[in-house]
PDB file of N, CA and C in Angstrom:
ATOM      1  N   MET A   1      -4.424  46.789   4.437  1.00  0.00           N
ATOM      2  CA  MET A   1      -4.980  48.098   4.650  1.00  0.00           C
ATOM      3  C   MET A   1      -6.475  47.967   4.918  1.00  0.00           C
ATOM      4  N   LYS A   2      -6.957  48.587   6.005  1.00  0.00           N
ATOM      5  CA  LYS A   2      -8.368  48.547   6.362  1.00  0.00           C
ATOM      6  C   LYS A   2      -9.113  49.720   5.754  1.00  0.00           C
ATOM      7  N   HIS A   3     -10.298  49.401   5.273  1.00  0.00           N
ATOM      8  CA  HIS A   3     -11.191  50.413   4.712  1.00  0.00           C
ATOM      9  C   HIS A   3     -12.484  50.330   5.514  1.00  0.00           C
ATOM     10  N   THR A   4     -12.690  51.285   6.445  1.00  0.00           N
ATOM     11  CA  THR A   4     -13.879  51.277   7.286  1.00  0.00           C
ATOM     12  C   THR A   4     -14.964  52.143   6.667  1.00  0.00           C
ATOM     13  N   ILE A   5     -16.158  51.574   6.590  1.00  0.00           N
ATOM     14  CA  ILE A   5     -17.311  52.281   6.037  1.00  0.00           C
ATOM     15  C   ILE A   5     -18.370  52.363   7.124  1.00  0.00           C
ATOM     16  N   ILE A   6     -18.731  53.585   7.486  1.00  0.00           N
ATOM     17  CA  ILE A   6     -19.763  53.810   8.494  1.00  0.00           C
ATOM     18  C   ILE A   6     -21.092  53.899   7.745  1.00  0.00           C
ATOM     19  N   LEU A   7     -21.877  52.846   7.872  1.00  0.00           N
ATOM     20  CA  LEU A   7     -23.088  52.728   7.072  1.00  0.00           C
ATOM     21  C   LEU A   7     -24.121  53.804   7.376  1.00  0.00           C
ATOM     22  N   LYS A   8     -24.195  54.244   8.614  1.00  0.00           N
ATOM     23  CA  LYS A   8     -25.146  55.305   8.965  1.00  0.00           C
ATOM     24  C   LYS A   8     -24.839  56.579   8.185  1.00  0.00           C
ATOM     25  N   ASP A   9     -23.572  56.898   8.025  1.00  0.00           N
ATOM     26  CA  ASP A   9     -23.186  58.096   7.284  1.00  0.00           C
ATOM     27  C   ASP A   9     -23.558  57.975   5.810  1.00  0.00           C
ATOM     28  N   ARG A  10     -23.531  56.768   5.295  1.00  0.00           N
ATOM     29  CA  ARG A  10     -23.807  56.529   3.879  1.00  0.00           C
ATOM     30  C   ARG A  10     -25.298  56.408   3.587  1.00  0.00           C
ATOM     31  N   PHE A  11     -26.022  55.667   4.462  1.00  0.00           N
ATOM     32  CA  PHE A  11     -27.410  55.316   4.162  1.00  0.00           C
ATOM     33  C   PHE A  11     -28.423  55.789   5.199  1.00  0.00           C
ATOM     34  N   GLY A  12     -27.977  56.333   6.316  1.00  0.00           N
ATOM     35  CA  GLY A  12     -28.897  56.710   7.390  1.00  0.00           C
ATOM     36  C   GLY A  12     -29.088  55.562   8.363  1.00  0.00           C
ATOM     37  N   THR A  13     -30.055  55.703   9.251  1.00  0.00           N
ATOM     38  CA  THR A  13     -30.254  54.718  10.319  1.00  0.00           C
ATOM     39  C   THR A  13     -31.058  53.502   9.882  1.00  0.00           C
ATOM     40  N   PHE A  14     -31.680  53.576   8.712  1.00  0.00           N
ATOM     41  CA  PHE A  14     -32.498  52.466   8.206  1.00  0.00           C
ATOM     42  C   PHE A  14     -32.003  52.079   6.822  1.00  0.00           C
ATOM     43  N   LEU A  15     -31.408  50.903   6.728  1.00  0.00           N
ATOM     44  CA  LEU A  15     -30.882  50.408   5.454  1.00  0.00           C
ATOM     45  C   LEU A  15     -32.034  49.717   4.726  1.00  0.00           C
ATOM     46  N   SER A  16     -32.620  50.436   3.777  1.00  0.00           N
ATOM     47  CA  SER A  16     -33.875  49.938   3.218  1.00  0.00           C
ATOM     48  C   SER A  16     -33.873  49.650   1.725  1.00  0.00           C
ATOM     49  N   ASP A  17     -33.062  50.296   0.961  1.00  0.00           N
ATOM     50  CA  ASP A  17     -33.145  50.197  -0.490  1.00  0.00           C
ATOM     51  C   ASP A  17     -32.209  49.119  -1.035  1.00  0.00           C
ATOM     52  N   GLY A  18     -32.801  48.025  -1.486  1.00  0.00           N
ATOM     53  CA  GLY A  18     -32.007  46.920  -2.013  1.00  0.00           C
ATOM     54  C   GLY A  18     -31.169  47.309  -3.208  1.00  0.00           C
ATOM     55  N   GLU A  19     -31.683  48.162  -4.062  1.00  0.00           N
ATOM     56  CA  GLU A  19     -30.920  48.594  -5.235  1.00  0.00           C
ATOM     57  C   GLU A  19     -29.659  49.350  -4.817  1.00  0.00           C
ATOM     58  N   SER A  20     -29.782  50.213  -3.803  1.00  0.00           N
ATOM     59  CA  SER A  20     -28.606  50.931  -3.284  1.00  0.00           C
ATOM     60  C   SER A  20     -27.621  49.965  -2.653  1.00  0.00           C
ATOM     61  N   GLY A  21     -28.144  48.972  -1.944  1.00  0.00           N
ATOM     62  CA  GLY A  21     -27.282  47.968  -1.337  1.00  0.00           C
ATOM     63  C   GLY A  21     -26.518  47.166  -2.373  1.00  0.00           C
ATOM     64  N   ASN A  22     -27.195  46.824  -3.448  1.00  0.00           N
ATOM     65  CA  ASN A  22     -26.550  46.071  -4.528  1.00  0.00           C
ATOM     66  C   ASN A  22     -25.459  46.900  -5.199  1.00  0.00           C
ATOM     67  N   GLU A  23     -25.765  48.160  -5.482  1.00  0.00           N
ATOM     68  CA  GLU A  23     -24.781  49.050  -6.101  1.00  0.00           C
ATOM     69  C   GLU A  23     -23.567  49.254  -5.195  1.00  0.00           C
ATOM     70  N   PHE A  24     -23.822  49.432  -3.903  1.00  0.00           N
ATOM     71  CA  PHE A  24     -22.761  49.615  -2.916  1.00  0.00           C
ATOM     72  C   PHE A  24     -21.840  48.394  -2.889  1.00  0.00           C
ATOM     73  N   ARG A  25     -22.437  47.206  -2.889  1.00  0.00           N
ATOM     74  CA  ARG A  25     -21.649  45.968  -2.889  1.00  0.00           C
ATOM     75  C   ARG A  25     -20.808  45.865  -4.153  1.00  0.00           C
ATOM     76  N   PHE A  26     -21.463  46.063  -5.295  1.00  0.00           N
ATOM     77  CA  PHE A  26     -20.803  45.865  -6.584  1.00  0.00           C
ATOM     78  C   PHE A  26     -19.712  46.904  -6.852  1.00  0.00           C
ATOM     79  N   CYS A  27     -19.976  48.158  -6.488  1.00  0.00           N
ATOM     80  CA  CYS A  27     -19.056  49.247  -6.836  1.00  0.00           C
ATOM     81  C   CYS A  27     -17.988  49.526  -5.782  1.00  0.00           C
ATOM     82  N   GLU A  28     -18.249  49.145  -4.532  1.00  0.00           N
ATOM     83  CA  GLU A  28     -17.295  49.493  -3.482  1.00  0.00           C
ATOM     84  C   GLU A  28     -16.738  48.303  -2.706  1.00  0.00           C
ATOM     85  N   ILE A  29     -17.613  47.451  -2.202  1.00  0.00           N
ATOM     86  CA  ILE A  29     -17.138  46.380  -1.320  1.00  0.00           C
ATOM     87  C   ILE A  29     -16.359  45.321  -2.102  1.00  0.00           C
ATOM     88  N   GLU A  30     -16.971  44.772  -3.146  1.00  0.00           N
ATOM     89  CA  GLU A  30     -16.295  43.708  -3.897  1.00  0.00           C
ATOM     90  C   GLU A  30     -14.959  44.165  -4.489  1.00  0.00           C
ATOM     91  N   PRO A  31     -14.889  45.342  -5.126  1.00  0.00           N
ATOM     92  CA  PRO A  31     -13.587  45.760  -5.662  1.00  0.00           C
ATOM     93  C   PRO A  31     -12.514  45.929  -4.577  1.00  0.00           C
ATOM     94  N   ALA A  32     -12.912  46.441  -3.421  1.00  0.00           N
ATOM     95  CA  ALA A  32     -11.939  46.614  -2.334  1.00  0.00           C
ATOM     96  C   ALA A  32     -11.406  45.263  -1.868  1.00  0.00           C
ATOM     97  N   ILE A  33     -12.300  44.316  -1.665  1.00  0.00           N
ATOM     98  CA  ILE A  33     -11.887  42.996  -1.184  1.00  0.00           C
ATOM     99  C   ILE A  33     -11.042  42.271  -2.228  1.00  0.00           C
ATOM    100  N   THR A  34     -11.456  42.304  -3.488  1.00  0.00           N
ATOM    101  CA  THR A  34     -10.699  41.590  -4.514  1.00  0.00           C
ATOM    102  C   THR A  34      -9.343  42.234  -4.780  1.00  0.00           C
ATOM    103  N   SER A  35      -9.194  43.508  -4.392  1.00  0.00           N
ATOM    104  CA  SER A  35      -7.879  44.148  -4.543  1.00  0.00           C
ATOM    105  C   SER A  35      -6.995  43.946  -3.310  1.00  0.00           C
ATOM    106  N   GLY A  36      -7.505  43.194  -2.317  1.00  0.00           N
ATOM    107  CA  GLY A  36      -6.696  42.847  -1.157  1.00  0.00           C
ATOM    108  C   GLY A  36      -6.933  43.672   0.089  1.00  0.00           C
ATOM    109  N   LYS A  37      -7.856  44.613   0.052  1.00  0.00           N
ATOM    110  CA  LYS A  37      -8.130  45.424   1.233  1.00  0.00           C
ATOM    111  C   LYS A  37      -9.049  44.676   2.194  1.00  0.00           C
ATOM    112  N   GLU A  38      -8.912  44.996   3.473  1.00  0.00           N
ATOM    113  CA  GLU A  38      -9.849  44.517   4.477  1.00  0.00           C
ATOM    114  C   GLU A  38     -10.941  45.569   4.602  1.00  0.00           C
ATOM    115  N   VAL A  39     -12.180  45.138   4.493  1.00  0.00           N
ATOM    116  CA  VAL A  39     -13.319  46.043   4.585  1.00  0.00           C
ATOM    117  C   VAL A  39     -14.002  45.847   5.931  1.00  0.00           C
ATOM    118  N   VAL A  40     -14.218  46.945   6.637  1.00  0.00           N
ATOM    119  CA  VAL A  40     -14.936  46.932   7.907  1.00  0.00           C
ATOM    120  C   VAL A  40     -16.235  47.690   7.696  1.00  0.00           C
ATOM    121  N   LEU A  41     -17.353  46.999   7.878  1.00  0.00           N
ATOM    122  CA  LEU A  41     -18.655  47.650   7.799  1.00  0.00           C
ATOM    123  C   LEU A  41     -19.116  47.933   9.218  1.00  0.00           C
ATOM    124  N   ASP A  42     -19.245  49.211   9.537  1.00  0.00           N
ATOM    125  CA  ASP A  42     -19.613  49.648  10.879  1.00  0.00           C
ATOM    126  C   ASP A  42     -21.101  49.988  10.893  1.00  0.00           C
ATOM    127  N   PHE A  43     -21.871  49.232  11.659  1.00  0.00           N
ATOM    128  CA  PHE A  43     -23.314  49.399  11.746  1.00  0.00           C
ATOM    129  C   PHE A  43     -23.735  50.300  12.909  1.00  0.00           C
ATOM    130  N   GLU A  44     -22.790  50.980  13.532  1.00  0.00           N
ATOM    131  CA  GLU A  44     -23.147  51.848  14.658  1.00  0.00           C
ATOM    132  C   GLU A  44     -24.174  52.886  14.206  1.00  0.00           C
ATOM    133  N   GLY A  45     -25.250  52.998  14.981  1.00  0.00           N
ATOM    134  CA  GLY A  45     -26.301  53.961  14.682  1.00  0.00           C
ATOM    135  C   GLY A  45     -27.343  53.460  13.705  1.00  0.00           C
ATOM    136  N   VAL A  46     -27.121  52.295  13.118  1.00  0.00           N
ATOM    137  CA  VAL A  46     -28.124  51.710  12.222  1.00  0.00           C
ATOM    138  C   VAL A  46     -29.092  50.913  13.086  1.00  0.00           C
ATOM    139  N   SER A  47     -30.357  51.312  13.047  1.00  0.00           N
ATOM    140  CA  SER A  47     -31.342  50.670  13.914  1.00  0.00           C
ATOM    141  C   SER A  47     -32.097  49.541  13.235  1.00  0.00           C
ATOM    142  N   ASN A  48     -32.152  49.554  11.898  1.00  0.00           N
ATOM    143  CA  ASN A  48     -32.916  48.521  11.211  1.00  0.00           C
ATOM    144  C   ASN A  48     -32.471  48.432   9.759  1.00  0.00           C
ATOM    145  N   MET A  49     -32.866  47.345   9.127  1.00  0.00           N
ATOM    146  CA  MET A  49     -32.592  47.164   7.702  1.00  0.00           C
ATOM    147  C   MET A  49     -33.674  46.268   7.136  1.00  0.00           C
ATOM    148  N   THR A  50     -33.842  46.299   5.841  1.00  0.00           N
ATOM    149  CA  THR A  50     -34.781  45.389   5.201  1.00  0.00           C
ATOM    150  C   THR A  50     -34.050  44.153   4.719  1.00  0.00           C
ATOM    151  N   ASP A  51     -34.821  43.093   4.519  1.00  0.00           N
ATOM    152  CA  ASP A  51     -34.203  41.902   3.951  1.00  0.00           C
ATOM    153  C   ASP A  51     -33.734  42.169   2.527  1.00  0.00           C
ATOM    154  N   SER A  52     -34.373  43.103   1.858  1.00  0.00           N
ATOM    155  CA  SER A  52     -33.958  43.485   0.503  1.00  0.00           C
ATOM    156  C   SER A  52     -32.530  44.035   0.513  1.00  0.00           C
ATOM    157  N   PHE A  53     -32.232  44.949   1.419  1.00  0.00           N
ATOM    158  CA  PHE A  53     -30.886  45.504   1.517  1.00  0.00           C
ATOM    159  C   PHE A  53     -29.892  44.425   1.933  1.00  0.00           C
ATOM    160  N   ALA A  54     -30.252  43.650   2.953  1.00  0.00           N
ATOM    161  CA  ALA A  54     -29.341  42.617   3.460  1.00  0.00           C
ATOM    162  C   ALA A  54     -28.986  41.605   2.377  1.00  0.00           C
ATOM    163  N   ASN A  55     -29.986  41.153   1.636  1.00  0.00           N
ATOM    164  CA  ASN A  55     -29.729  40.150   0.601  1.00  0.00           C
ATOM    165  C   ASN A  55     -28.988  40.733  -0.589  1.00  0.00           C
ATOM    166  N   ALA A  56     -29.376  41.933  -1.027  1.00  0.00           N
ATOM    167  CA  ALA A  56     -28.738  42.539  -2.192  1.00  0.00           C
ATOM    168  C   ALA A  56     -27.293  42.907  -1.915  1.00  0.00           C
ATOM    169  N   CYS A  57     -27.034  43.402  -0.729  1.00  0.00           N
ATOM    170  CA  CYS A  57     -25.677  43.840  -0.398  1.00  0.00           C
ATOM    171  C   CYS A  57     -24.836  42.678   0.121  1.00  0.00           C
ATOM    172  N   LEU A  58     -25.262  42.113   1.222  1.00  0.00           N
ATOM    173  CA  LEU A  58     -24.420  41.117   1.884  1.00  0.00           C
ATOM    174  C   LEU A  58     -24.671  39.692   1.416  1.00  0.00           C
ATOM    175  N   GLY A  59     -25.914  39.365   1.114  1.00  0.00           N
ATOM    176  CA  GLY A  59     -26.183  38.012   0.620  1.00  0.00           C
ATOM    177  C   GLY A  59     -25.429  37.721  -0.661  1.00  0.00           C
ATOM    178  N   HIS A  60     -25.484  38.661  -1.605  1.00  0.00           N
ATOM    179  CA  HIS A  60     -24.753  38.472  -2.863  1.00  0.00           C
ATOM    180  C   HIS A  60     -23.246  38.492  -2.622  1.00  0.00           C
ATOM    181  N   LEU A  61     -22.808  39.284  -1.685  1.00  0.00           N
ATOM    182  CA  LEU A  61     -21.378  39.316  -1.342  1.00  0.00           C
ATOM    183  C   LEU A  61     -20.938  37.962  -0.800  1.00  0.00           C
ATOM    184  N   PHE A  62     -21.729  37.395   0.121  1.00  0.00           N
ATOM    185  CA  PHE A  62     -21.410  36.084   0.682  1.00  0.00           C
ATOM    186  C   PHE A  62     -21.370  35.026  -0.419  1.00  0.00           C
ATOM    187  N   ARG A  63     -22.298  35.115  -1.347  1.00  0.00           N
ATOM    188  CA  ARG A  63     -22.368  34.116  -2.422  1.00  0.00           C
ATOM    189  C   ARG A  63     -21.229  34.305  -3.428  1.00  0.00           C
ATOM    190  N   ASN A  64     -20.929  35.550  -3.792  1.00  0.00           N
ATOM    191  CA  ASN A  64     -19.931  35.816  -4.829  1.00  0.00           C
ATOM    192  C   ASN A  64     -18.490  35.623  -4.364  1.00  0.00           C
ATOM    193  N   LEU A  65     -18.208  35.991  -3.122  1.00  0.00           N
ATOM    194  CA  LEU A  65     -16.812  35.996  -2.655  1.00  0.00           C
ATOM    195  C   LEU A  65     -16.562  35.072  -1.478  1.00  0.00           C
ATOM    196  N   ASP A  66     -17.431  34.148  -1.244  1.00  0.00           N
ATOM    197  CA  ASP A  66     -17.423  33.272  -0.081  1.00  0.00           C
ATOM    198  C   ASP A  66     -16.056  33.091   0.576  1.00  0.00           C
ATOM    199  N   PHE A  67     -15.155  32.352  -0.030  1.00  0.00           N
ATOM    200  CA  PHE A  67     -13.879  32.037   0.611  1.00  0.00           C
ATOM    201  C   PHE A  67     -12.919  33.221   0.635  1.00  0.00           C
ATOM    202  N   GLN A  68     -13.107  34.172  -0.243  1.00  0.00           N
ATOM    203  CA  GLN A  68     -12.254  35.359  -0.258  1.00  0.00           C
ATOM    204  C   GLN A  68     -12.560  36.302   0.903  1.00  0.00           C
ATOM    205  N   LEU A  69     -13.695  36.100   1.574  1.00  0.00           N
ATOM    206  CA  LEU A  69     -14.094  37.007   2.654  1.00  0.00           C
ATOM    207  C   LEU A  69     -13.352  36.747   3.961  1.00  0.00           C
ATOM    208  N   GLU A  70     -12.816  35.565   4.124  1.00  0.00           N
ATOM    209  CA  GLU A  70     -12.140  35.235   5.377  1.00  0.00           C
ATOM    210  C   GLU A  70     -10.974  36.189   5.612  1.00  0.00           C
ATOM    211  N   GLY A  71     -11.055  36.918   6.704  1.00  0.00           N
ATOM    212  CA  GLY A  71     -10.026  37.882   7.050  1.00  0.00           C
ATOM    213  C   GLY A  71     -10.104  39.181   6.262  1.00  0.00           C
ATOM    214  N   LYS A  72     -11.098  39.302   5.391  1.00  0.00           N
ATOM    215  CA  LYS A  72     -11.219  40.496   4.546  1.00  0.00           C
ATOM    216  C   LYS A  72     -12.469  41.317   4.841  1.00  0.00           C
ATOM    217  N   LEU A  73     -13.444  40.729   5.541  1.00  0.00           N
ATOM    218  CA  LEU A  73     -14.683  41.445   5.844  1.00  0.00           C
ATOM    219  C   LEU A  73     -14.970  41.338   7.325  1.00  0.00           C
ATOM    220  N   THR A  74     -15.152  42.486   7.960  1.00  0.00           N
ATOM    221  CA  THR A  74     -15.502  42.534   9.374  1.00  0.00           C
ATOM    222  C   THR A  74     -16.760  43.375   9.512  1.00  0.00           C
ATOM    223  N   LEU A  75     -17.707  42.856  10.273  1.00  0.00           N
ATOM    224  CA  LEU A  75     -18.958  43.565  10.543  1.00  0.00           C
ATOM    225  C   LEU A  75     -18.962  43.917  12.027  1.00  0.00           C
ATOM    226  N   ILE A  76     -19.066  45.214  12.338  1.00  0.00           N
ATOM    227  CA  ILE A  76     -18.994  45.629  13.740  1.00  0.00           C
ATOM    228  C   ILE A  76     -20.228  46.445  14.129  1.00  0.00           C
ATOM    229  N   ASN A  77     -20.454  46.510  15.438  1.00  0.00           N
ATOM    230  CA  ASN A  77     -21.532  47.292  16.037  1.00  0.00           C
ATOM    231  C   ASN A  77     -22.908  46.904  15.509  1.00  0.00           C
ATOM    232  N   CYS A  78     -23.144  45.611  15.395  1.00  0.00           N
ATOM    233  CA  CYS A  78     -24.430  45.109  14.921  1.00  0.00           C
ATOM    234  C   CYS A  78     -25.379  44.883  16.095  1.00  0.00           C
ATOM    235  N   THR A  79     -26.567  45.434  15.993  1.00  0.00           N
ATOM    236  CA  THR A  79     -27.604  45.176  16.991  1.00  0.00           C
ATOM    237  C   THR A  79     -28.153  43.770  16.769  1.00  0.00           C
ATOM    238  N   PRO A  80     -28.909  43.233  17.726  1.00  0.00           N
ATOM    239  CA  PRO A  80     -29.527  41.924  17.495  1.00  0.00           C
ATOM    240  C   PRO A  80     -30.417  41.898  16.245  1.00  0.00           C
ATOM    241  N   THR A  81     -31.109  42.984  15.958  1.00  0.00           N
ATOM    242  CA  THR A  81     -31.945  43.055  14.760  1.00  0.00           C
ATOM    243  C   THR A  81     -31.089  42.954  13.507  1.00  0.00           C
ATOM    244  N   ILE A  82     -30.010  43.705  13.465  1.00  0.00           N
ATOM    245  CA  ILE A  82     -29.105  43.672  12.307  1.00  0.00           C
ATOM    246  C   ILE A  82     -28.489  42.282  12.167  1.00  0.00           C
ATOM    247  N   ARG A  83     -28.070  41.689  13.281  1.00  0.00           N
ATOM    248  CA  ARG A  83     -27.494  40.336  13.240  1.00  0.00           C
ATOM    249  C   ARG A  83     -28.475  39.330  12.642  1.00  0.00           C
ATOM    250  N   SER A  84     -29.748  39.500  12.984  1.00  0.00           N
ATOM    251  CA  SER A  84     -30.770  38.600  12.464  1.00  0.00           C
ATOM    252  C   SER A  84     -30.871  38.704  10.942  1.00  0.00           C
ATOM    253  N   PHE A  85     -30.872  39.916  10.415  1.00  0.00           N
ATOM    254  CA  PHE A  85     -30.918  40.104   8.965  1.00  0.00           C
ATOM    255  C   PHE A  85     -29.655  39.564   8.292  1.00  0.00           C
ATOM    256  N   LEU A  86     -28.512  39.781   8.901  1.00  0.00           N
ATOM    257  CA  LEU A  86     -27.251  39.286   8.335  1.00  0.00           C
ATOM    258  C   LEU A  86     -27.215  37.760   8.325  1.00  0.00           C
ATOM    259  N   SER A  87     -27.699  37.164   9.394  1.00  0.00           N
ATOM    260  CA  SER A  87     -27.747  35.710   9.487  1.00  0.00           C
ATOM    261  C   SER A  87     -28.665  35.128   8.413  1.00  0.00           C
ATOM    262  N   SER A  88     -29.798  35.767   8.212  1.00  0.00           N
ATOM    263  CA  SER A  88     -30.736  35.322   7.182  1.00  0.00           C
ATOM    264  C   SER A  88     -30.114  35.442   5.794  1.00  0.00           C
ATOM    265  N   ALA A  89     -29.434  36.554   5.527  1.00  0.00           N
ATOM    266  CA  ALA A  89     -28.778  36.749   4.225  1.00  0.00           C
ATOM    267  C   ALA A  89     -27.712  35.683   4.009  1.00  0.00           C
ATOM    268  N   TRP A  90     -26.961  35.347   5.050  1.00  0.00           N
ATOM    269  CA  TRP A  90     -25.927  34.306   4.970  1.00  0.00           C
ATOM    270  C   TRP A  90     -26.569  32.960   4.641  1.00  0.00           C
ATOM    271  N   THR A  91     -27.658  32.627   5.335  1.00  0.00           N
ATOM    272  CA  THR A  91     -28.349  31.355   5.124  1.00  0.00           C
ATOM    273  C   THR A  91     -28.877  31.247   3.697  1.00  0.00           C
ATOM    274  N   ILE A  92     -29.495  32.301   3.208  1.00  0.00           N
ATOM    275  CA  ILE A  92     -30.032  32.309   1.853  1.00  0.00           C
ATOM    276  C   ILE A  92     -28.902  32.168   0.830  1.00  0.00           C
ATOM    277  N   ALA A  93     -27.806  32.877   1.053  1.00  0.00           N
ATOM    278  CA  ALA A  93     -26.662  32.789   0.135  1.00  0.00           C
ATOM    279  C   ALA A  93     -26.107  31.370   0.080  1.00  0.00           C
ATOM    280  N   LYS A  94     -25.999  30.734   1.225  1.00  0.00           N
ATOM    281  CA  LYS A  94     -25.475  29.367   1.281  1.00  0.00           C
ATOM    282  C   LYS A  94     -26.438  28.394   0.583  1.00  0.00           C
ATOM    283  N   ARG A  95     -27.728  28.618   0.774  1.00  0.00           N
ATOM    284  CA  ARG A  95     -28.731  27.768   0.147  1.00  0.00           C
ATOM    285  C   ARG A  95     -28.635  27.881  -1.381  1.00  0.00           C
ATOM    286  N   HIS A  96     -28.479  29.097  -1.893  1.00  0.00           N
ATOM    287  CA  HIS A  96     -28.366  29.311  -3.336  1.00  0.00           C
ATOM    288  C   HIS A  96     -27.059  28.753  -3.878  1.00  0.00           C
ATOM    289  N   ALA A  97     -26.012  28.780  -3.075  1.00  0.00           N
ATOM    290  CA  ALA A  97     -24.717  28.261  -3.526  1.00  0.00           C
ATOM    291  C   ALA A  97     -24.770  26.753  -3.749  1.00  0.00           C
ATOM    292  N   LEU A  98     -25.667  26.092  -3.034  1.00  0.00           N
ATOM    293  CA  LEU A  98     -25.770  24.645  -3.136  1.00  0.00           C
ATOM    294  C   LEU A  98     -26.645  24.195  -4.307  1.00  0.00           C
ATOM    295  N   THR A  99     -27.377  25.125  -4.898  1.00  0.00           N
ATOM    296  CA  THR A  99     -28.288  24.724  -6.004  1.00  0.00           C
ATOM    297  C   THR A  99     -27.676  24.982  -7.341  1.00  0.00           C
TER     298      THR A  99
END
Protein backbone atom coordinates (compact mmCIF):
# COMPACT_ATOMS: atom_id res chain seq x y z
CA MET A 1 0.00 0.00 0.00
CA LYS A 2 1.39 3.41 -1.02
CA HIS A 3 1.20 6.40 1.26
CA THR A 4 1.89 9.60 -0.70
CA ILE A 5 2.76 12.74 1.24
CA ILE A 6 2.76 16.06 -0.60
CA LEU A 7 5.36 18.02 1.31
CA LYS A 8 4.24 21.43 0.04
CA ASP A 9 0.80 20.86 1.57
CA ARG A 10 2.39 19.91 4.89
CA PHE A 11 5.28 22.38 5.16
CA GLY A 12 4.92 24.98 2.39
CA THR A 13 7.39 25.69 -0.40
CA PHE A 14 10.43 26.01 1.89
CA LEU A 15 11.30 23.07 4.13
CA SER A 16 13.19 24.90 6.82
CA ASP A 17 12.51 23.68 10.34
CA GLY A 18 14.70 20.76 11.36
CA GLU A 19 12.63 20.06 14.46
CA SER A 20 9.49 19.68 12.32
CA GLY A 21 11.40 17.46 9.92
CA ASN A 22 12.58 15.25 12.76
CA GLU A 23 9.08 14.96 14.22
CA PHE A 24 7.63 14.19 10.78
CA ARG A 25 10.19 11.41 10.25
CA PHE A 26 9.76 9.92 13.71
CA CYS A 27 5.96 10.11 13.92
CA GLU A 28 4.92 9.42 10.33
CA ILE A 29 7.57 8.15 7.92
CA GLU A 30 9.37 5.57 10.07
CA PRO A 31 6.18 3.99 11.48
CA ALA A 32 4.68 3.70 7.99
CA ILE A 33 7.78 2.06 6.55
CA THR A 34 8.31 -0.32 9.48
CA SER A 35 4.66 -1.39 9.21
CA GLY A 36 5.25 -2.37 5.57
CA LYS A 37 3.83 0.61 3.70
CA GLU A 38 5.56 2.24 0.76
CA VAL A 39 6.03 5.95 1.42
CA VAL A 40 6.18 8.41 -1.47
CA LEU A 41 7.46 11.88 -0.63
CA ASP A 42 6.31 14.30 -3.31
CA PHE A 43 8.44 17.46 -3.50
CA GLU A 44 6.32 19.13 -6.18
CA GLY A 45 6.12 22.86 -5.46
CA VAL A 46 8.93 22.76 -2.90
CA SER A 47 11.51 25.27 -4.06
CA ASN A 48 14.10 24.96 -1.30
CA MET A 49 15.02 23.31 1.97
CA THR A 50 17.60 23.75 4.67
CA ASP A 51 20.27 21.25 5.50
CA SER A 52 18.71 21.16 8.97
CA PHE A 53 15.43 19.81 7.58
CA ALA A 54 17.16 17.43 5.16
CA ASN A 55 19.41 15.94 7.82
CA ALA A 56 16.78 15.77 10.58
CA CYS A 57 14.14 14.21 8.37
CA LEU A 58 15.89 12.23 5.68
CA GLY A 59 19.43 11.89 6.98
CA HIS A 60 18.22 10.23 10.17
CA LEU A 61 15.80 8.13 8.14
CA PHE A 62 18.64 6.92 5.89
CA ARG A 63 20.75 6.11 8.95
CA ASN A 64 17.99 4.45 11.00
CA LEU A 65 16.28 2.35 8.32
CA ASP A 66 18.99 2.00 5.68
CA PHE A 67 18.25 -1.46 4.25
CA GLN A 68 14.55 -1.32 5.08
CA LEU A 69 14.14 1.64 2.70
CA GLU A 70 14.73 -0.36 -0.47
CA GLY A 71 11.41 -0.46 -2.27
CA LYS A 72 9.72 1.37 0.61
CA LEU A 73 10.71 5.01 0.05
CA THR A 74 10.28 6.95 -3.17
CA LEU A 75 11.19 10.61 -3.60
CA ILE A 76 9.51 12.32 -6.55
CA ASN A 77 9.43 15.75 -8.20
CA CYS A 78 12.77 16.85 -6.76
CA THR A 79 14.38 19.96 -8.21
CA PRO A 80 18.17 20.03 -8.62
CA THR A 81 18.38 22.09 -5.40
CA ILE A 82 16.33 19.53 -3.47
CA ARG A 83 18.39 16.67 -4.95
CA SER A 84 21.54 18.39 -3.74
CA PHE A 85 20.25 18.58 -0.16
CA LEU A 86 19.06 14.96 -0.28
CA SER A 87 22.41 13.80 -1.61
CA SER A 88 24.22 15.65 1.16
CA ALA A 89 21.92 14.14 3.82
CA TRP A 90 22.58 10.66 2.37
CA THR A 91 26.36 11.23 2.41
CA ILE A 92 26.32 12.48 6.01
CA ALA A 93 24.15 9.55 7.11
CA LYS A 94 26.50 7.05 5.49
CA ARG A 95 29.52 8.75 7.06
CA HIS A 96 27.92 8.53 10.54
CA ALA A 97 26.95 4.90 9.97
CA LEU A 98 30.61 4.03 9.48
CA THR A 99 31.76 5.61 12.76
